[in-house]
Amino acid sequence: MTRMMTGRARTTAARVAAPIGATAALLGTLTGCSTAAAEAEVPIDASYRDGTYQANGTYESPNGSENIIVLIELENDIVTDVEITTNPNNPTTANYQGQFADGIGDIVIGEDIDTLDVTVVAGSSLTSNGFREAIAAIKAEAVES
């Protein structure tokens, strides 16, 4: 027996199915995403070679893809200096990257690189994504084997 759905039932079914379909599509997209830094996972509490390391960190903003260059100095696994080179694509990004660069030192200098969990610096939350990506790459490069 074939049942016909009323207009109201079709609308309800569409409202339920749309988020499920969108979620499945998003998960399929994210599953295929990875970065070299993420693939080179470093064990927590690893030891790192002293030195100066640099990596690029990318992130998405409402204005598109952005990046920063992170330079870190390590001594006995402790961040002794940090420098951010900004590469903004527009004035809004320039503002946020500048705020991030000005405030990051207060948060990470003197900290063990394995304990860094930067999320928001001076109101800039998206730039933190690029910073975390760069730190993961630096850790992969500096880890003692």
N, C-alpha and C. Protein backbone atom coordinates (compact mmCIF):
# COMPACT_ATOMS: atom_id res chain seq x y z
N MET A 1 0.84 -1.16 0.00
CA MET A 1 0.00 0.00 0.00
C MET A 1 0.89 1.23 0.00
N THR A 2 0.60 2.16 -0.86
CA THR A 2 1.35 3.39 -0.97
C THR A 2 0.64 4.48 -0.18
N ARG A 3 1.42 5.18 0.62
CA ARG A 3 0.85 6.27 1.41
C ARG A 3 1.31 7.58 0.81
N MET A 4 0.44 8.52 0.78
CA MET A 4 0.80 9.86 0.32
C MET A 4 1.02 10.72 1.55
N MET A 5 2.07 11.52 1.48
CA MET A 5 2.36 12.42 2.59
C MET A 5 1.66 13.74 2.36
N THR A 6 1.14 14.30 3.41
CA THR A 6 0.54 15.62 3.31
C THR A 6 1.64 16.65 3.18
N GLY A 7 1.30 17.84 2.81
CA GLY A 7 2.28 18.92 2.70
C GLY A 7 2.99 19.16 4.02
N ARG A 8 2.26 19.10 5.10
CA ARG A 8 2.84 19.30 6.42
C ARG A 8 3.84 18.19 6.76
N ALA A 9 3.51 16.95 6.44
CA ALA A 9 4.39 15.82 6.72
C ALA A 9 5.67 15.93 5.88
N ARG A 10 5.54 16.35 4.61
CA ARG A 10 6.72 16.53 3.75
C ARG A 10 7.62 17.62 4.33
N THR A 11 7.06 18.71 4.80
CA THR A 11 7.84 19.80 5.39
C THR A 11 8.57 19.32 6.64
N THR A 12 7.88 18.58 7.49
CA THR A 12 8.51 18.05 8.70
C THR A 12 9.63 17.09 8.35
N ALA A 13 9.40 16.21 7.39
CA ALA A 13 10.43 15.26 6.98
C ALA A 13 11.65 15.99 6.42
N ALA A 14 11.41 17.03 5.66
CA ALA A 14 12.53 17.81 5.08
C ALA A 14 13.32 18.51 6.18
N ARG A 15 12.63 19.02 7.18
CA ARG A 15 13.31 19.69 8.29
C ARG A 15 14.19 18.72 9.08
N VAL A 16 13.76 17.50 9.19
CA VAL A 16 14.54 16.50 9.90
C VAL A 16 15.70 16.01 9.03
N ALA A 17 15.44 15.77 7.75
CA ALA A 17 16.46 15.20 6.85
C ALA A 17 17.56 16.19 6.51
N ALA A 18 17.25 17.45 6.36
CA ALA A 18 18.26 18.44 5.93
C ALA A 18 19.44 18.52 6.89
N PRO A 19 19.22 18.67 8.20
CA PRO A 19 20.38 18.73 9.10
C PRO A 19 21.18 17.42 9.11
N ILE A 20 20.49 16.30 8.99
CA ILE A 20 21.19 15.02 8.98
C ILE A 20 22.06 14.92 7.74
N GLY A 21 21.53 15.31 6.59
CA GLY A 21 22.31 15.29 5.35
C GLY A 21 23.48 16.25 5.40
N ALA A 22 23.27 17.43 5.95
CA ALA A 22 24.34 18.42 6.05
C ALA A 22 25.44 17.93 6.99
N THR A 23 25.03 17.32 8.08
CA THR A 23 26.01 16.79 9.03
C THR A 23 26.83 15.68 8.39
N ALA A 24 26.18 14.79 7.66
CA ALA A 24 26.89 13.69 7.00
C ALA A 24 27.87 14.24 5.97
N ALA A 25 27.46 15.25 5.23
CA ALA A 25 28.35 15.85 4.22
C ALA A 25 29.55 16.50 4.89
N LEU A 26 29.32 17.22 5.99
CA LEU A 26 30.41 17.87 6.70
C LEU A 26 31.38 16.84 7.27
N LEU A 27 30.87 15.80 7.87
CA LEU A 27 31.74 14.76 8.41
C LEU A 27 32.56 14.10 7.32
N GLY A 28 31.95 13.87 6.17
CA GLY A 28 32.69 13.29 5.05
C GLY A 28 33.80 14.20 4.59
N THR A 29 33.56 15.50 4.58
CA THR A 29 34.57 16.47 4.19
C THR A 29 35.68 16.52 5.22
N LEU A 30 35.33 16.60 6.49
CA LEU A 30 36.34 16.71 7.54
C LEU A 30 37.17 15.44 7.68
N THR A 31 36.57 14.31 7.41
CA THR A 31 37.31 13.06 7.52
C THR A 31 38.48 13.04 6.56
N GLY A 32 38.32 13.66 5.41
CA GLY A 32 39.39 13.68 4.42
C GLY A 32 40.43 14.75 4.68
N CYS A 33 40.20 15.63 5.64
CA CYS A 33 41.12 16.73 5.91
C CYS A 33 42.23 16.28 6.85
N SER A 34 43.44 16.69 6.54
CA SER A 34 44.55 16.49 7.46
C SER A 34 45.67 17.40 7.05
N THR A 35 46.56 17.63 7.96
CA THR A 35 47.74 18.43 7.66
C THR A 35 48.96 17.61 7.98
N ALA A 36 50.08 18.00 7.43
CA ALA A 36 51.32 17.29 7.72
C ALA A 36 51.62 17.33 9.21
N ALA A 37 51.31 18.45 9.84
CA ALA A 37 51.56 18.57 11.28
C ALA A 37 50.71 17.58 12.06
N ALA A 38 49.44 17.42 11.66
CA ALA A 38 48.57 16.50 12.37
C ALA A 38 49.02 15.06 12.16
N GLU A 39 49.55 14.75 10.97
CA GLU A 39 50.01 13.41 10.68
C GLU A 39 51.27 13.08 11.47
N ALA A 40 52.05 14.09 11.82
CA ALA A 40 53.29 13.89 12.55
C ALA A 40 53.06 14.14 14.03
N GLU A 41 52.12 13.40 14.61
CA GLU A 41 51.78 13.58 16.02
C GLU A 41 53.01 13.31 16.89
N VAL A 42 53.19 14.16 17.87
CA VAL A 42 54.31 14.05 18.80
C VAL A 42 53.75 13.61 20.14
N PRO A 43 54.40 12.65 20.80
CA PRO A 43 53.90 12.22 22.10
C PRO A 43 53.90 13.37 23.11
N ILE A 44 52.92 13.37 24.01
CA ILE A 44 52.88 14.36 25.07
C ILE A 44 54.08 14.13 25.98
N ASP A 45 54.65 15.19 26.49
CA ASP A 45 55.83 15.14 27.36
C ASP A 45 57.06 14.62 26.63
N ALA A 46 57.16 14.91 25.35
CA ALA A 46 58.35 14.56 24.59
C ALA A 46 59.47 15.53 24.96
N SER A 47 60.68 15.20 24.56
CA SER A 47 61.81 16.11 24.73
C SER A 47 62.13 16.72 23.37
N TYR A 48 62.53 17.99 23.40
CA TYR A 48 62.79 18.72 22.16
C TYR A 48 64.21 19.27 22.18
N ARG A 49 64.79 19.34 20.99
CA ARG A 49 66.12 19.93 20.86
C ARG A 49 66.03 21.43 21.07
N ASP A 50 66.99 21.99 21.79
CA ASP A 50 67.07 23.43 21.95
C ASP A 50 67.31 24.06 20.59
N GLY A 51 66.78 25.26 20.39
CA GLY A 51 67.03 25.96 19.15
C GLY A 51 65.90 26.88 18.77
N THR A 52 66.03 27.43 17.59
CA THR A 52 65.02 28.34 17.04
C THR A 52 64.33 27.61 15.89
N TYR A 53 63.02 27.63 15.92
CA TYR A 53 62.21 26.92 14.93
C TYR A 53 61.16 27.86 14.35
N GLN A 54 60.84 27.62 13.10
CA GLN A 54 59.86 28.46 12.42
C GLN A 54 58.91 27.58 11.62
N ALA A 55 57.64 27.95 11.62
CA ALA A 55 56.64 27.22 10.83
C ALA A 55 55.52 28.17 10.44
N ASN A 56 54.87 27.82 9.35
CA ASN A 56 53.72 28.57 8.87
C ASN A 56 52.45 27.93 9.45
N GLY A 57 51.52 28.76 9.86
CA GLY A 57 50.24 28.28 10.34
C GLY A 57 49.12 28.90 9.53
N THR A 58 48.24 28.08 8.99
CA THR A 58 47.13 28.59 8.20
C THR A 58 45.82 28.40 8.95
N TYR A 59 44.86 29.23 8.60
CA TYR A 59 43.54 29.14 9.20
C TYR A 59 42.54 29.83 8.30
N GLU A 60 41.28 29.53 8.51
CA GLU A 60 40.20 30.14 7.74
C GLU A 60 39.54 31.24 8.54
N SER A 61 39.33 32.37 7.89
CA SER A 61 38.59 33.48 8.48
C SER A 61 37.37 33.74 7.61
N PRO A 62 36.47 34.59 8.04
CA PRO A 62 35.32 34.91 7.19
C PRO A 62 35.75 35.51 5.84
N ASN A 63 36.97 36.03 5.77
CA ASN A 63 37.47 36.63 4.53
C ASN A 63 38.30 35.66 3.70
N GLY A 64 38.39 34.40 4.12
CA GLY A 64 39.14 33.41 3.36
C GLY A 64 40.34 32.88 4.12
N SER A 65 41.23 32.23 3.39
CA SER A 65 42.40 31.61 3.99
C SER A 65 43.41 32.66 4.43
N GLU A 66 43.95 32.46 5.62
CA GLU A 66 44.94 33.37 6.20
C GLU A 66 46.12 32.56 6.70
N ASN A 67 47.24 33.21 6.96
CA ASN A 67 48.38 32.52 7.54
C ASN A 67 49.23 33.47 8.35
N ILE A 68 49.98 32.86 9.27
CA ILE A 68 50.96 33.57 10.07
C ILE A 68 52.23 32.72 10.09
N ILE A 69 53.35 33.34 10.36
CA ILE A 69 54.60 32.62 10.52
C ILE A 69 54.98 32.72 11.99
N VAL A 70 55.22 31.57 12.60
CA VAL A 70 55.54 31.50 14.02
C VAL A 70 57.01 31.12 14.17
N LEU A 71 57.75 31.92 14.92
CA LEU A 71 59.14 31.64 15.25
C LEU A 71 59.22 31.44 16.75
N ILE A 72 59.73 30.28 17.16
CA ILE A 72 59.81 29.91 18.58
C ILE A 72 61.25 29.56 18.92
N GLU A 73 61.70 30.03 20.08
CA GLU A 73 62.98 29.59 20.62
C GLU A 73 62.70 28.67 21.79
N LEU A 74 63.36 27.50 21.79
CA LEU A 74 63.18 26.52 22.84
C LEU A 74 64.48 26.30 23.60
N GLU A 75 64.36 26.16 24.91
CA GLU A 75 65.49 25.78 25.75
C GLU A 75 64.94 24.87 26.84
N ASN A 76 65.42 23.62 26.86
CA ASN A 76 64.93 22.62 27.81
C ASN A 76 63.41 22.48 27.74
N ASP A 77 62.88 22.46 26.53
CA ASP A 77 61.45 22.31 26.25
C ASP A 77 60.61 23.53 26.63
N ILE A 78 61.24 24.59 27.08
CA ILE A 78 60.55 25.81 27.49
C ILE A 78 60.65 26.85 26.37
N VAL A 79 59.54 27.51 26.09
CA VAL A 79 59.52 28.59 25.10
C VAL A 79 60.21 29.80 25.73
N THR A 80 61.32 30.22 25.14
CA THR A 80 62.05 31.37 25.68
C THR A 80 61.79 32.64 24.88
N ASP A 81 61.26 32.48 23.67
CA ASP A 81 60.92 33.65 22.86
C ASP A 81 59.94 33.21 21.79
N VAL A 82 59.10 34.13 21.37
CA VAL A 82 58.15 33.87 20.29
C VAL A 82 58.02 35.13 19.46
N GLU A 83 57.92 34.94 18.17
CA GLU A 83 57.72 36.06 17.25
C GLU A 83 56.72 35.63 16.19
N ILE A 84 55.77 36.48 15.92
CA ILE A 84 54.75 36.21 14.91
C ILE A 84 54.94 37.18 13.76
N THR A 85 55.05 36.63 12.56
CA THR A 85 55.06 37.46 11.35
C THR A 85 53.66 37.38 10.77
N THR A 86 53.00 38.52 10.66
CA THR A 86 51.63 38.55 10.16
C THR A 86 51.62 38.67 8.64
N ASN A 87 50.58 38.09 8.05
CA ASN A 87 50.38 38.13 6.60
C ASN A 87 48.91 38.37 6.30
N PRO A 88 48.36 39.50 6.72
CA PRO A 88 46.92 39.72 6.56
C PRO A 88 46.52 39.97 5.11
N ASN A 89 45.30 39.52 4.80
CA ASN A 89 44.74 39.75 3.47
C ASN A 89 43.79 40.94 3.43
N ASN A 90 43.44 41.50 4.60
CA ASN A 90 42.53 42.64 4.64
C ASN A 90 42.70 43.36 5.98
N PRO A 91 42.15 44.55 6.11
CA PRO A 91 42.33 45.33 7.34
C PRO A 91 41.80 44.66 8.61
N THR A 92 40.70 43.92 8.51
CA THR A 92 40.16 43.25 9.69
C THR A 92 41.14 42.18 10.17
N THR A 93 41.63 41.39 9.23
CA THR A 93 42.61 40.36 9.58
C THR A 93 43.87 40.99 10.13
N ALA A 94 44.30 42.10 9.55
CA ALA A 94 45.50 42.79 10.04
C ALA A 94 45.33 43.18 11.50
N ASN A 95 44.15 43.67 11.85
CA ASN A 95 43.87 44.05 13.23
C ASN A 95 43.98 42.84 14.17
N TYR A 96 43.30 41.75 13.82
CA TYR A 96 43.31 40.57 14.69
C TYR A 96 44.69 39.93 14.76
N GLN A 97 45.38 39.81 13.63
CA GLN A 97 46.72 39.22 13.66
C GLN A 97 47.67 40.10 14.48
N GLY A 98 47.53 41.41 14.36
CA GLY A 98 48.37 42.32 15.14
C GLY A 98 48.13 42.18 16.64
N GLN A 99 46.86 42.09 17.04
CA GLN A 99 46.53 41.89 18.45
C GLN A 99 47.09 40.57 18.96
N PHE A 100 46.97 39.54 18.13
CA PHE A 100 47.50 38.23 18.50
C PHE A 100 49.01 38.29 18.69
N ALA A 101 49.70 38.87 17.71
CA ALA A 101 51.16 38.97 17.76
C ALA A 101 51.62 39.76 18.98
N ASP A 102 50.90 40.81 19.33
CA ASP A 102 51.26 41.64 20.48
C ASP A 102 51.04 40.93 21.81
N GLY A 103 50.08 40.00 21.89
CA GLY A 103 49.73 39.39 23.16
C GLY A 103 50.25 37.98 23.38
N ILE A 104 50.72 37.30 22.34
CA ILE A 104 51.07 35.90 22.47
C ILE A 104 52.26 35.66 23.42
N GLY A 105 53.22 36.55 23.43
CA GLY A 105 54.40 36.38 24.28
C GLY A 105 54.05 36.24 25.75
N ASP A 106 53.09 37.03 26.22
CA ASP A 106 52.68 36.98 27.63
C ASP A 106 52.09 35.62 28.00
N ILE A 107 51.58 34.91 27.01
CA ILE A 107 50.92 33.63 27.27
C ILE A 107 51.88 32.45 27.17
N VAL A 108 52.83 32.48 26.22
CA VAL A 108 53.63 31.28 25.96
C VAL A 108 55.07 31.33 26.46
N ILE A 109 55.66 32.51 26.61
CA ILE A 109 57.05 32.58 27.06
C ILE A 109 57.12 32.08 28.50
N GLY A 110 58.07 31.16 28.72
CA GLY A 110 58.23 30.56 30.04
C GLY A 110 57.44 29.28 30.21
N GLU A 111 56.67 28.89 29.21
CA GLU A 111 55.84 27.68 29.30
C GLU A 111 56.49 26.51 28.55
N ASP A 112 56.23 25.30 29.03
CA ASP A 112 56.65 24.09 28.34
C ASP A 112 55.85 24.00 27.03
N ILE A 113 56.53 23.70 25.94
CA ILE A 113 55.85 23.67 24.64
C ILE A 113 54.72 22.65 24.62
N ASP A 114 54.83 21.58 25.41
CA ASP A 114 53.78 20.57 25.45
C ASP A 114 52.52 21.04 26.18
N THR A 115 52.62 22.13 26.94
CA THR A 115 51.45 22.60 27.69
C THR A 115 50.72 23.73 26.99
N LEU A 116 51.23 24.17 25.84
CA LEU A 116 50.59 25.29 25.15
C LEU A 116 49.22 24.89 24.64
N ASP A 117 48.22 25.67 25.00
CA ASP A 117 46.85 25.44 24.54
C ASP A 117 46.22 26.82 24.29
N VAL A 118 46.71 27.47 23.27
CA VAL A 118 46.28 28.84 22.97
C VAL A 118 44.97 28.80 22.20
N THR A 119 43.96 29.50 22.73
CA THR A 119 42.68 29.56 22.04
C THR A 119 42.31 30.99 21.65
N VAL A 120 42.41 31.92 22.56
CA VAL A 120 42.07 33.32 22.26
C VAL A 120 43.18 34.20 22.83
N VAL A 121 43.66 35.11 22.01
CA VAL A 121 44.67 36.08 22.45
C VAL A 121 44.16 37.46 22.06
N ALA A 122 43.96 38.32 23.04
CA ALA A 122 43.55 39.71 22.83
C ALA A 122 42.34 39.80 21.89
N GLY A 123 41.39 38.90 22.03
CA GLY A 123 40.18 38.94 21.23
C GLY A 123 40.29 38.22 19.89
N SER A 124 41.46 37.73 19.56
CA SER A 124 41.66 37.04 18.29
C SER A 124 41.59 35.53 18.52
N SER A 125 40.52 34.91 18.05
CA SER A 125 40.38 33.46 18.25
C SER A 125 40.77 32.66 17.02
N LEU A 126 40.53 33.15 15.83
CA LEU A 126 40.84 32.39 14.63
C LEU A 126 42.34 32.29 14.38
N THR A 127 43.09 33.34 14.71
CA THR A 127 44.54 33.32 14.53
C THR A 127 45.16 32.21 15.36
N SER A 128 44.54 31.87 16.47
CA SER A 128 45.03 30.79 17.33
C SER A 128 45.08 29.46 16.58
N ASN A 129 44.15 29.26 15.65
CA ASN A 129 44.16 28.03 14.87
C ASN A 129 45.45 27.91 14.06
N GLY A 130 45.88 29.00 13.45
CA GLY A 130 47.13 29.00 12.71
C GLY A 130 48.33 28.80 13.63
N PHE A 131 48.27 29.40 14.81
CA PHE A 131 49.35 29.26 15.79
C PHE A 131 49.48 27.79 16.21
N ARG A 132 48.36 27.15 16.53
CA ARG A 132 48.40 25.75 16.96
C ARG A 132 48.94 24.85 15.84
N GLU A 133 48.57 25.13 14.61
CA GLU A 133 49.09 24.35 13.49
C GLU A 133 50.61 24.51 13.39
N ALA A 134 51.09 25.73 13.51
CA ALA A 134 52.53 25.99 13.44
C ALA A 134 53.26 25.32 14.60
N ILE A 135 52.71 25.36 15.79
CA ILE A 135 53.34 24.72 16.96
C ILE A 135 53.43 23.21 16.74
N ALA A 136 52.40 22.60 16.18
CA ALA A 136 52.44 21.16 15.91
C ALA A 136 53.58 20.83 14.93
N ALA A 137 53.76 21.66 13.92
CA ALA A 137 54.85 21.44 12.96
C ALA A 137 56.21 21.64 13.62
N ILE A 138 56.32 22.64 14.47
CA ILE A 138 57.58 22.90 15.19
C ILE A 138 57.91 21.73 16.11
N LYS A 139 56.92 21.24 16.83
CA LYS A 139 57.15 20.11 17.73
C LYS A 139 57.62 18.88 16.94
N ALA A 140 57.02 18.64 15.78
CA ALA A 140 57.42 17.50 14.96
C ALA A 140 58.85 17.64 14.49
N GLU A 141 59.27 18.85 14.19
CA GLU A 141 60.64 19.10 13.73
C GLU A 141 61.64 19.01 14.88
N ALA A 142 61.26 19.50 16.04
CA ALA A 142 62.22 19.64 17.15
C ALA A 142 62.29 18.42 18.07
N VAL A 143 61.35 17.49 17.94
CA VAL A 143 61.31 16.36 18.87
C VAL A 143 62.61 15.54 18.76
N GLU A 144 63.11 15.15 19.93
CA GLU A 144 64.30 14.30 19.96
C GLU A 144 63.86 12.86 19.75
N SER A 145 64.59 12.18 18.87
CA SER A 145 64.20 10.79 18.61
C SER A 145 65.01 9.81 19.41
